[in-house]
Every structure is written in C-alpha cells, then in structure tokens.
Amino acid sequence: MKEIVPIPKAYSAAVQRSDTCEFARLLGMAVTAIEDGRVKVAMPAAGMRNAHGTTHGGAIFAVADHAFGIAANLEGVDEIAISANIRYFTVPAGETVEAVAHMISETARTSVYAVEVYSGERLVASFEGVGFKIGGTANRE
C-alpha cells in the first residue's frame, strides 16, 4: 500500500463519513490521500478472490465506486450516482488495489468523474461515474 498522506482538514468530515460506512469497513477500504483534486482509496485484495483466484470484478468496481462517491461529495453538496461504467484491463497482481478519482466536468445538477484502479503500477480498470446533486446546486468556482 502506498504511504498515507495527511488528509486536508477541509475534507476530514467527508472522509470520516465515507470511511465509517459499513460497506467500506467490510471491504477494508480507506482513503489514503486527497491531493491535487484527486481522491485515493486503497483496499486489500486478500479475501476478494473469485473462483479463478483473481480479484473479483465486483470488488474492483466497489473500490472505484467508493472513490467516486467520496470525490463527488467533498465539497459539501450531497451527490448520488446515477450512472457508472467500468472497463477491466487486467487482473490485480498486488496485495492491494487503489482507486484514484477526479472530476472531469460538472453542471449545476450533475458531475462526471473518472476513476483509475491500480494494483501497484499496473492499471487494472477505468471507471466513469455520473453524479446527481441532491443537496442543492453547488457554488464552485
């Protein structure tokens, strides 16, 4: 797992809310960094194997979706996913997988995030999530 970078104080509430959710705890997911507009979430691969002995695609999707959710909710406007797509490129080879999420675009009511999932330096999957703002319109510059 990569070195954990201190989380900026402005984002601590959003990270705590996400890190304490039951699903994230069940899968061992944790935010490892928020920097340069990117949210990084790591998850151990142990216990996530499918019948072929590789990391289950659902586990890879889960960590990507979790990173997307955190990134979409950092600024204090509640967002929910209305669409998500994933492309798998290869199977993870390491002991952890890490998802890196960042915003691609946004409107007053929606946003689009790209998430790359890595195992070490290996790109495992690419995910795109569309969020819908349920907590009012954002005032972002």
N, C-alpha and C. Protein backbone atom coordinates (compact mmCIF):
# COMPACT_ATOMS: atom_id res chain seq x y z
N MET A 1 0.85 -1.17 0.00
CA MET A 1 0.00 0.00 0.00
C MET A 1 0.89 1.23 0.00
N LYS A 2 0.47 2.27 -0.69
CA LYS A 2 1.25 3.49 -0.75
C LYS A 2 1.20 4.22 0.59
N GLU A 3 2.19 5.09 0.79
CA GLU A 3 2.26 5.88 2.01
C GLU A 3 1.00 6.73 2.14
N ILE A 4 0.48 6.80 3.35
CA ILE A 4 -0.72 7.59 3.61
C ILE A 4 -0.32 9.04 3.79
N VAL A 5 -0.97 9.92 3.05
CA VAL A 5 -0.73 11.36 3.09
C VAL A 5 -1.79 11.98 4.00
N PRO A 6 -1.41 12.93 4.85
CA PRO A 6 -2.43 13.56 5.70
C PRO A 6 -3.57 14.14 4.86
N ILE A 7 -4.79 13.93 5.33
CA ILE A 7 -5.97 14.43 4.64
C ILE A 7 -6.17 15.90 5.00
N PRO A 8 -6.34 16.79 4.01
CA PRO A 8 -6.59 18.19 4.33
C PRO A 8 -7.79 18.34 5.26
N LYS A 9 -7.65 19.19 6.26
CA LYS A 9 -8.68 19.37 7.29
C LYS A 9 -10.05 19.70 6.69
N ALA A 10 -10.07 20.46 5.60
CA ALA A 10 -11.35 20.84 4.97
C ALA A 10 -12.15 19.63 4.53
N TYR A 11 -11.48 18.49 4.32
CA TYR A 11 -12.17 17.30 3.82
C TYR A 11 -12.34 16.22 4.88
N SER A 12 -11.94 16.48 6.10
CA SER A 12 -11.95 15.44 7.13
C SER A 12 -13.35 14.89 7.42
N ALA A 13 -14.37 15.73 7.41
CA ALA A 13 -15.73 15.25 7.70
C ALA A 13 -16.22 14.32 6.60
N ALA A 14 -15.98 14.68 5.35
CA ALA A 14 -16.41 13.83 4.23
C ALA A 14 -15.67 12.49 4.25
N VAL A 15 -14.39 12.53 4.56
CA VAL A 15 -13.60 11.30 4.61
C VAL A 15 -14.06 10.42 5.77
N GLN A 16 -14.28 11.03 6.94
CA GLN A 16 -14.74 10.25 8.09
C GLN A 16 -16.09 9.59 7.80
N ARG A 17 -16.99 10.33 7.18
CA ARG A 17 -18.30 9.78 6.84
C ARG A 17 -18.17 8.59 5.90
N SER A 18 -17.28 8.70 4.93
CA SER A 18 -17.09 7.62 3.97
C SER A 18 -16.34 6.44 4.57
N ASP A 19 -15.29 6.72 5.34
CA ASP A 19 -14.50 5.64 5.92
C ASP A 19 -15.26 4.86 6.99
N THR A 20 -16.27 5.46 7.59
CA THR A 20 -17.02 4.76 8.62
C THR A 20 -18.27 4.06 8.09
N CYS A 21 -18.53 4.16 6.80
CA CYS A 21 -19.70 3.47 6.27
C CYS A 21 -19.47 1.95 6.35
N GLU A 22 -20.52 1.22 6.61
CA GLU A 22 -20.43 -0.23 6.83
C GLU A 22 -19.76 -0.95 5.67
N PHE A 23 -20.12 -0.60 4.45
CA PHE A 23 -19.59 -1.30 3.28
C PHE A 23 -18.09 -1.09 3.15
N ALA A 24 -17.63 0.14 3.33
CA ALA A 24 -16.20 0.44 3.24
C ALA A 24 -15.44 -0.33 4.32
N ARG A 25 -15.97 -0.37 5.52
CA ARG A 25 -15.32 -1.11 6.61
C ARG A 25 -15.30 -2.60 6.31
N LEU A 26 -16.39 -3.13 5.78
CA LEU A 26 -16.48 -4.56 5.46
C LEU A 26 -15.40 -4.96 4.47
N LEU A 27 -15.14 -4.12 3.48
CA LEU A 27 -14.14 -4.43 2.46
C LEU A 27 -12.75 -3.89 2.79
N GLY A 28 -12.60 -3.22 3.91
CA GLY A 28 -11.29 -2.72 4.32
C GLY A 28 -10.82 -1.51 3.54
N MET A 29 -11.74 -0.75 2.95
CA MET A 29 -11.36 0.42 2.17
C MET A 29 -11.01 1.59 3.08
N ALA A 30 -10.04 2.39 2.65
CA ALA A 30 -9.66 3.60 3.39
C ALA A 30 -9.11 4.64 2.44
N VAL A 31 -9.42 5.89 2.71
CA VAL A 31 -8.85 6.99 1.95
C VAL A 31 -7.38 7.10 2.31
N THR A 32 -6.52 7.12 1.31
CA THR A 32 -5.09 7.24 1.56
C THR A 32 -4.56 8.63 1.24
N ALA A 33 -5.27 9.39 0.41
CA ALA A 33 -4.82 10.75 0.09
C ALA A 33 -5.93 11.53 -0.60
N ILE A 34 -5.87 12.83 -0.40
CA ILE A 34 -6.65 13.78 -1.18
C ILE A 34 -5.67 14.89 -1.53
N GLU A 35 -5.34 14.98 -2.81
CA GLU A 35 -4.38 15.98 -3.25
C GLU A 35 -4.58 16.29 -4.72
N ASP A 36 -4.37 17.54 -5.06
CA ASP A 36 -4.47 17.98 -6.46
C ASP A 36 -5.79 17.58 -7.10
N GLY A 37 -6.89 17.67 -6.34
CA GLY A 37 -8.20 17.33 -6.87
C GLY A 37 -8.46 15.85 -7.06
N ARG A 38 -7.62 15.02 -6.50
CA ARG A 38 -7.75 13.56 -6.63
C ARG A 38 -7.97 12.92 -5.27
N VAL A 39 -8.87 11.96 -5.24
CA VAL A 39 -9.12 11.17 -4.04
C VAL A 39 -8.58 9.77 -4.29
N LYS A 40 -7.76 9.28 -3.36
CA LYS A 40 -7.19 7.94 -3.47
C LYS A 40 -7.75 7.06 -2.36
N VAL A 41 -8.24 5.90 -2.76
CA VAL A 41 -8.80 4.94 -1.82
C VAL A 41 -8.13 3.59 -2.05
N ALA A 42 -7.64 2.98 -0.97
CA ALA A 42 -6.99 1.67 -1.07
C ALA A 42 -7.89 0.60 -0.44
N MET A 43 -7.75 -0.62 -0.95
CA MET A 43 -8.50 -1.77 -0.45
C MET A 43 -7.59 -3.00 -0.54
N PRO A 44 -7.53 -3.80 0.51
CA PRO A 44 -6.72 -5.03 0.43
C PRO A 44 -7.36 -6.02 -0.55
N ALA A 45 -6.53 -6.76 -1.28
CA ALA A 45 -7.04 -7.76 -2.21
C ALA A 45 -7.35 -9.08 -1.50
N ALA A 46 -6.76 -9.27 -0.32
CA ALA A 46 -7.00 -10.52 0.43
C ALA A 46 -8.48 -10.68 0.73
N GLY A 47 -9.00 -11.86 0.49
CA GLY A 47 -10.41 -12.15 0.73
C GLY A 47 -11.33 -11.68 -0.37
N MET A 48 -10.79 -11.17 -1.45
CA MET A 48 -11.59 -10.63 -2.56
C MET A 48 -11.47 -11.48 -3.81
N ARG A 49 -11.04 -12.72 -3.68
CA ARG A 49 -10.80 -13.58 -4.84
C ARG A 49 -12.09 -14.19 -5.38
N ASN A 50 -12.10 -14.38 -6.70
CA ASN A 50 -13.22 -15.07 -7.35
C ASN A 50 -12.85 -16.54 -7.55
N ALA A 51 -13.66 -17.28 -8.27
CA ALA A 51 -13.43 -18.71 -8.49
C ALA A 51 -12.17 -18.99 -9.31
N HIS A 52 -11.67 -17.99 -10.02
CA HIS A 52 -10.45 -18.14 -10.82
C HIS A 52 -9.19 -17.81 -10.03
N GLY A 53 -9.38 -17.36 -8.79
CA GLY A 53 -8.24 -17.00 -7.95
C GLY A 53 -7.73 -15.59 -8.16
N THR A 54 -8.45 -14.78 -8.91
CA THR A 54 -8.07 -13.39 -9.12
C THR A 54 -9.04 -12.48 -8.37
N THR A 55 -8.68 -11.23 -8.24
CA THR A 55 -9.55 -10.28 -7.53
C THR A 55 -10.88 -10.16 -8.27
N HIS A 56 -11.96 -10.31 -7.53
CA HIS A 56 -13.32 -10.28 -8.08
C HIS A 56 -13.61 -8.92 -8.71
N GLY A 57 -14.23 -8.92 -9.88
CA GLY A 57 -14.58 -7.68 -10.57
C GLY A 57 -15.49 -6.80 -9.73
N GLY A 58 -16.34 -7.41 -8.92
CA GLY A 58 -17.22 -6.63 -8.05
C GLY A 58 -16.44 -5.86 -7.00
N ALA A 59 -15.35 -6.44 -6.52
CA ALA A 59 -14.50 -5.76 -5.54
C ALA A 59 -13.80 -4.57 -6.20
N ILE A 60 -13.33 -4.77 -7.43
CA ILE A 60 -12.68 -3.68 -8.16
C ILE A 60 -13.69 -2.56 -8.41
N PHE A 61 -14.90 -2.93 -8.83
CA PHE A 61 -15.94 -1.93 -9.04
C PHE A 61 -16.24 -1.19 -7.73
N ALA A 62 -16.31 -1.93 -6.63
CA ALA A 62 -16.65 -1.33 -5.34
C ALA A 62 -15.65 -0.26 -4.92
N VAL A 63 -14.35 -0.53 -5.05
CA VAL A 63 -13.37 0.46 -4.63
C VAL A 63 -13.40 1.68 -5.57
N ALA A 64 -13.65 1.46 -6.85
CA ALA A 64 -13.77 2.58 -7.79
C ALA A 64 -15.00 3.42 -7.46
N ASP A 65 -16.11 2.77 -7.20
CA ASP A 65 -17.35 3.47 -6.87
C ASP A 65 -17.21 4.25 -5.57
N HIS A 66 -16.52 3.67 -4.60
CA HIS A 66 -16.32 4.34 -3.31
C HIS A 66 -15.48 5.61 -3.50
N ALA A 67 -14.40 5.52 -4.27
CA ALA A 67 -13.56 6.69 -4.53
C ALA A 67 -14.38 7.77 -5.25
N PHE A 68 -15.17 7.37 -6.23
CA PHE A 68 -16.05 8.30 -6.94
C PHE A 68 -17.00 8.98 -5.95
N GLY A 69 -17.62 8.21 -5.08
CA GLY A 69 -18.56 8.78 -4.11
C GLY A 69 -17.92 9.79 -3.19
N ILE A 70 -16.73 9.49 -2.72
CA ILE A 70 -16.04 10.44 -1.84
C ILE A 70 -15.70 11.71 -2.61
N ALA A 71 -15.12 11.56 -3.79
CA ALA A 71 -14.74 12.73 -4.59
C ALA A 71 -15.95 13.61 -4.90
N ALA A 72 -17.07 12.98 -5.21
CA ALA A 72 -18.27 13.73 -5.58
C ALA A 72 -18.90 14.45 -4.40
N ASN A 73 -18.59 14.03 -3.19
CA ASN A 73 -19.21 14.62 -2.00
C ASN A 73 -18.26 15.46 -1.16
N LEU A 74 -17.08 15.75 -1.64
CA LEU A 74 -16.10 16.50 -0.86
C LEU A 74 -16.51 17.93 -0.57
N GLU A 75 -17.21 18.56 -1.47
CA GLU A 75 -17.47 19.99 -1.34
C GLU A 75 -18.73 20.34 -0.56
N GLY A 76 -19.34 19.36 0.10
CA GLY A 76 -20.48 19.65 0.96
C GLY A 76 -21.83 19.65 0.28
N VAL A 77 -21.88 19.25 -0.98
CA VAL A 77 -23.16 19.11 -1.68
C VAL A 77 -23.39 17.62 -1.88
N ASP A 78 -24.46 17.09 -1.29
CA ASP A 78 -24.72 15.65 -1.40
C ASP A 78 -24.99 15.25 -2.84
N GLU A 79 -24.25 14.22 -3.29
CA GLU A 79 -24.44 13.67 -4.63
C GLU A 79 -24.62 12.17 -4.54
N ILE A 80 -25.44 11.65 -5.43
CA ILE A 80 -25.62 10.21 -5.56
C ILE A 80 -25.30 9.82 -7.00
N ALA A 81 -24.91 8.57 -7.17
CA ALA A 81 -24.59 8.08 -8.51
C ALA A 81 -25.87 7.83 -9.29
N ILE A 82 -25.87 8.25 -10.55
CA ILE A 82 -27.00 7.92 -11.43
C ILE A 82 -26.53 7.03 -12.58
N SER A 83 -25.22 6.91 -12.74
CA SER A 83 -24.68 6.06 -13.79
C SER A 83 -23.24 5.73 -13.46
N ALA A 84 -22.84 4.50 -13.79
CA ALA A 84 -21.45 4.10 -13.61
C ALA A 84 -21.10 3.05 -14.66
N ASN A 85 -19.90 3.19 -15.21
CA ASN A 85 -19.40 2.24 -16.20
C ASN A 85 -17.97 1.88 -15.84
N ILE A 86 -17.59 0.64 -16.10
CA ILE A 86 -16.23 0.21 -15.82
C ILE A 86 -15.70 -0.63 -16.97
N ARG A 87 -14.40 -0.50 -17.22
CA ARG A 87 -13.69 -1.34 -18.19
C ARG A 87 -12.54 -1.99 -17.45
N TYR A 88 -12.45 -3.30 -17.55
CA TYR A 88 -11.37 -4.04 -16.90
C TYR A 88 -10.28 -4.31 -17.93
N PHE A 89 -9.02 -4.08 -17.54
CA PHE A 89 -7.90 -4.27 -18.44
C PHE A 89 -7.06 -5.49 -18.11
N THR A 90 -6.86 -5.74 -16.84
CA THR A 90 -6.02 -6.85 -16.39
C THR A 90 -6.38 -7.19 -14.96
N VAL A 91 -5.85 -8.28 -14.45
CA VAL A 91 -6.14 -8.66 -13.07
C VAL A 91 -5.09 -8.05 -12.15
N PRO A 92 -5.50 -7.65 -10.95
CA PRO A 92 -4.53 -7.12 -9.98
C PRO A 92 -3.49 -8.17 -9.61
N ALA A 93 -2.27 -7.71 -9.42
CA ALA A 93 -1.17 -8.62 -9.06
C ALA A 93 -0.65 -8.37 -7.66
N GLY A 94 -1.03 -7.26 -7.04
CA GLY A 94 -0.50 -6.90 -5.74
C GLY A 94 -1.43 -7.29 -4.60
N GLU A 95 -1.03 -6.88 -3.42
CA GLU A 95 -1.81 -7.17 -2.22
C GLU A 95 -2.91 -6.15 -1.97
N THR A 96 -2.86 -5.03 -2.68
CA THR A 96 -3.90 -4.01 -2.55
C THR A 96 -4.29 -3.51 -3.93
N VAL A 97 -5.46 -2.91 -3.99
CA VAL A 97 -5.86 -2.15 -5.17
C VAL A 97 -6.15 -0.74 -4.70
N GLU A 98 -5.84 0.23 -5.56
CA GLU A 98 -6.06 1.62 -5.20
C GLU A 98 -6.81 2.31 -6.32
N ALA A 99 -7.87 3.01 -5.95
CA ALA A 99 -8.67 3.77 -6.91
C ALA A 99 -8.34 5.25 -6.75
N VAL A 100 -8.18 5.92 -7.89
CA VAL A 100 -7.85 7.35 -7.91
C VAL A 100 -8.94 8.05 -8.71
N ALA A 101 -9.72 8.91 -8.02
CA ALA A 101 -10.88 9.57 -8.64
C ALA A 101 -10.63 11.06 -8.80
N HIS A 102 -11.10 11.61 -9.93
CA HIS A 102 -11.04 13.05 -10.13
C HIS A 102 -12.19 13.50 -11.03
N MET A 103 -12.59 14.75 -10.86
CA MET A 103 -13.71 15.30 -11.63
C MET A 103 -13.28 15.59 -13.07
N ILE A 104 -14.18 15.25 -13.98
CA ILE A 104 -13.97 15.55 -15.40
C ILE A 104 -14.76 16.80 -15.78
N SER A 105 -16.03 16.86 -15.33
CA SER A 105 -16.87 18.02 -15.64
C SER A 105 -18.04 18.07 -14.67
N GLU A 106 -18.69 19.23 -14.64
CA GLU A 106 -19.90 19.35 -13.82
C GLU A 106 -20.80 20.44 -14.34
N THR A 107 -22.07 20.29 -14.01
CA THR A 107 -23.09 21.31 -14.27
C THR A 107 -23.70 21.65 -12.91
N ALA A 108 -24.74 22.44 -12.91
CA ALA A 108 -25.40 22.80 -11.65
C ALA A 108 -26.01 21.59 -10.96
N ARG A 109 -26.36 20.54 -11.70
CA ARG A 109 -27.05 19.39 -11.11
C ARG A 109 -26.31 18.07 -11.24
N THR A 110 -25.31 17.98 -12.12
CA THR A 110 -24.62 16.71 -12.32
C THR A 110 -23.10 16.91 -12.35
N SER A 111 -22.40 15.80 -12.22
CA SER A 111 -20.95 15.83 -12.35
C SER A 111 -20.49 14.51 -12.96
N VAL A 112 -19.33 14.53 -13.57
CA VAL A 112 -18.74 13.33 -14.16
C VAL A 112 -17.35 13.16 -13.57
N TYR A 113 -17.07 11.93 -13.11
CA TYR A 113 -15.78 11.61 -12.50
C TYR A 113 -15.14 10.44 -13.23
N ALA A 114 -13.83 10.52 -13.38
CA ALA A 114 -13.06 9.40 -13.91
C ALA A 114 -12.31 8.78 -12.73
N VAL A 115 -12.24 7.45 -12.74
CA VAL A 115 -11.52 6.73 -11.69
C VAL A 115 -10.64 5.69 -12.35
N GLU A 116 -9.38 5.69 -11.99
CA GLU A 116 -8.46 4.65 -12.45
C GLU A 116 -8.18 3.75 -11.26
N VAL A 117 -8.16 2.44 -11.50
CA VAL A 117 -7.88 1.48 -10.43
C VAL A 117 -6.54 0.83 -10.75
N TYR A 118 -5.66 0.83 -9.76
CA TYR A 118 -4.30 0.31 -9.92
C TYR A 118 -4.03 -0.82 -8.93
N SER A 119 -3.13 -1.69 -9.33
CA SER A 119 -2.52 -2.66 -8.44
C SER A 119 -1.02 -2.43 -8.59
N GLY A 120 -0.42 -1.76 -7.62
CA GLY A 120 0.94 -1.28 -7.79
C GLY A 120 0.94 -0.25 -8.90
N GLU A 121 1.78 -0.42 -9.89
CA GLU A 121 1.84 0.50 -11.03
C GLU A 121 0.94 0.03 -12.18
N ARG A 122 0.34 -1.13 -12.05
CA ARG A 122 -0.47 -1.73 -13.12
C ARG A 122 -1.88 -1.15 -13.13
N LEU A 123 -2.28 -0.59 -14.30
CA LEU A 123 -3.65 -0.10 -14.45
C LEU A 123 -4.57 -1.30 -14.63
N VAL A 124 -5.50 -1.47 -13.71
CA VAL A 124 -6.40 -2.63 -13.69
C VAL A 124 -7.73 -2.32 -14.37
N ALA A 125 -8.27 -1.12 -14.12
CA ALA A 125 -9.59 -0.79 -14.65
C ALA A 125 -9.75 0.72 -14.76
N SER A 126 -10.70 1.12 -15.60
CA SER A 126 -11.07 2.51 -15.77
C SER A 126 -12.58 2.61 -15.55
N PHE A 127 -13.01 3.55 -14.71
CA PHE A 127 -14.39 3.69 -14.27
C PHE A 127 -14.82 5.12 -14.55
N GLU A 128 -16.07 5.29 -14.98
CA GLU A 128 -16.64 6.62 -15.12
C GLU A 128 -17.95 6.65 -14.36
N GLY A 129 -18.11 7.65 -13.50
CA GLY A 129 -19.33 7.79 -12.71
C GLY A 129 -19.97 9.14 -12.94
N VAL A 130 -21.29 9.14 -13.02
CA VAL A 130 -22.05 10.37 -13.15
C VAL A 130 -22.84 10.56 -11.86
N GLY A 131 -22.66 11.73 -11.24
CA GLY A 131 -23.34 12.03 -10.00
C GLY A 131 -24.47 13.03 -10.21
N PHE A 132 -25.49 12.91 -9.36
CA PHE A 132 -26.62 13.84 -9.36
C PHE A 132 -26.65 14.53 -8.01
N LYS A 133 -26.68 15.85 -8.03
CA LYS A 133 -26.64 16.64 -6.80
C LYS A 133 -28.03 16.70 -6.17
N ILE A 134 -28.16 16.07 -5.02
CA ILE A 134 -29.45 16.05 -4.32
C ILE A 134 -29.50 17.09 -3.21
N GLY A 135 -28.35 17.69 -2.89
CA GLY A 135 -28.28 18.65 -1.79
C GLY A 135 -28.28 20.09 -2.24
N GLY A 136 -28.88 20.38 -3.39
CA GLY A 136 -28.91 21.74 -3.90
C GLY A 136 -27.80 21.94 -4.92
N THR A 137 -27.77 23.11 -5.50
CA THR A 137 -26.74 23.39 -6.51
C THR A 137 -25.47 23.83 -5.83
N ALA A 138 -24.37 23.48 -6.43
CA ALA A 138 -23.07 23.82 -5.87
C ALA A 138 -22.66 25.22 -6.27
N ASN A 139 -21.90 25.85 -5.44
CA ASN A 139 -21.34 27.15 -5.74
C ASN A 139 -19.83 27.00 -5.83
N ARG A 140 -19.36 26.29 -6.84
CA ARG A 140 -17.94 26.03 -7.01
C ARG A 140 -17.38 26.94 -8.08
N GLU A 141 -16.17 27.31 -7.88
CA GLU A 141 -15.51 28.16 -8.87
C GLU A 141 -14.53 27.35 -9.67
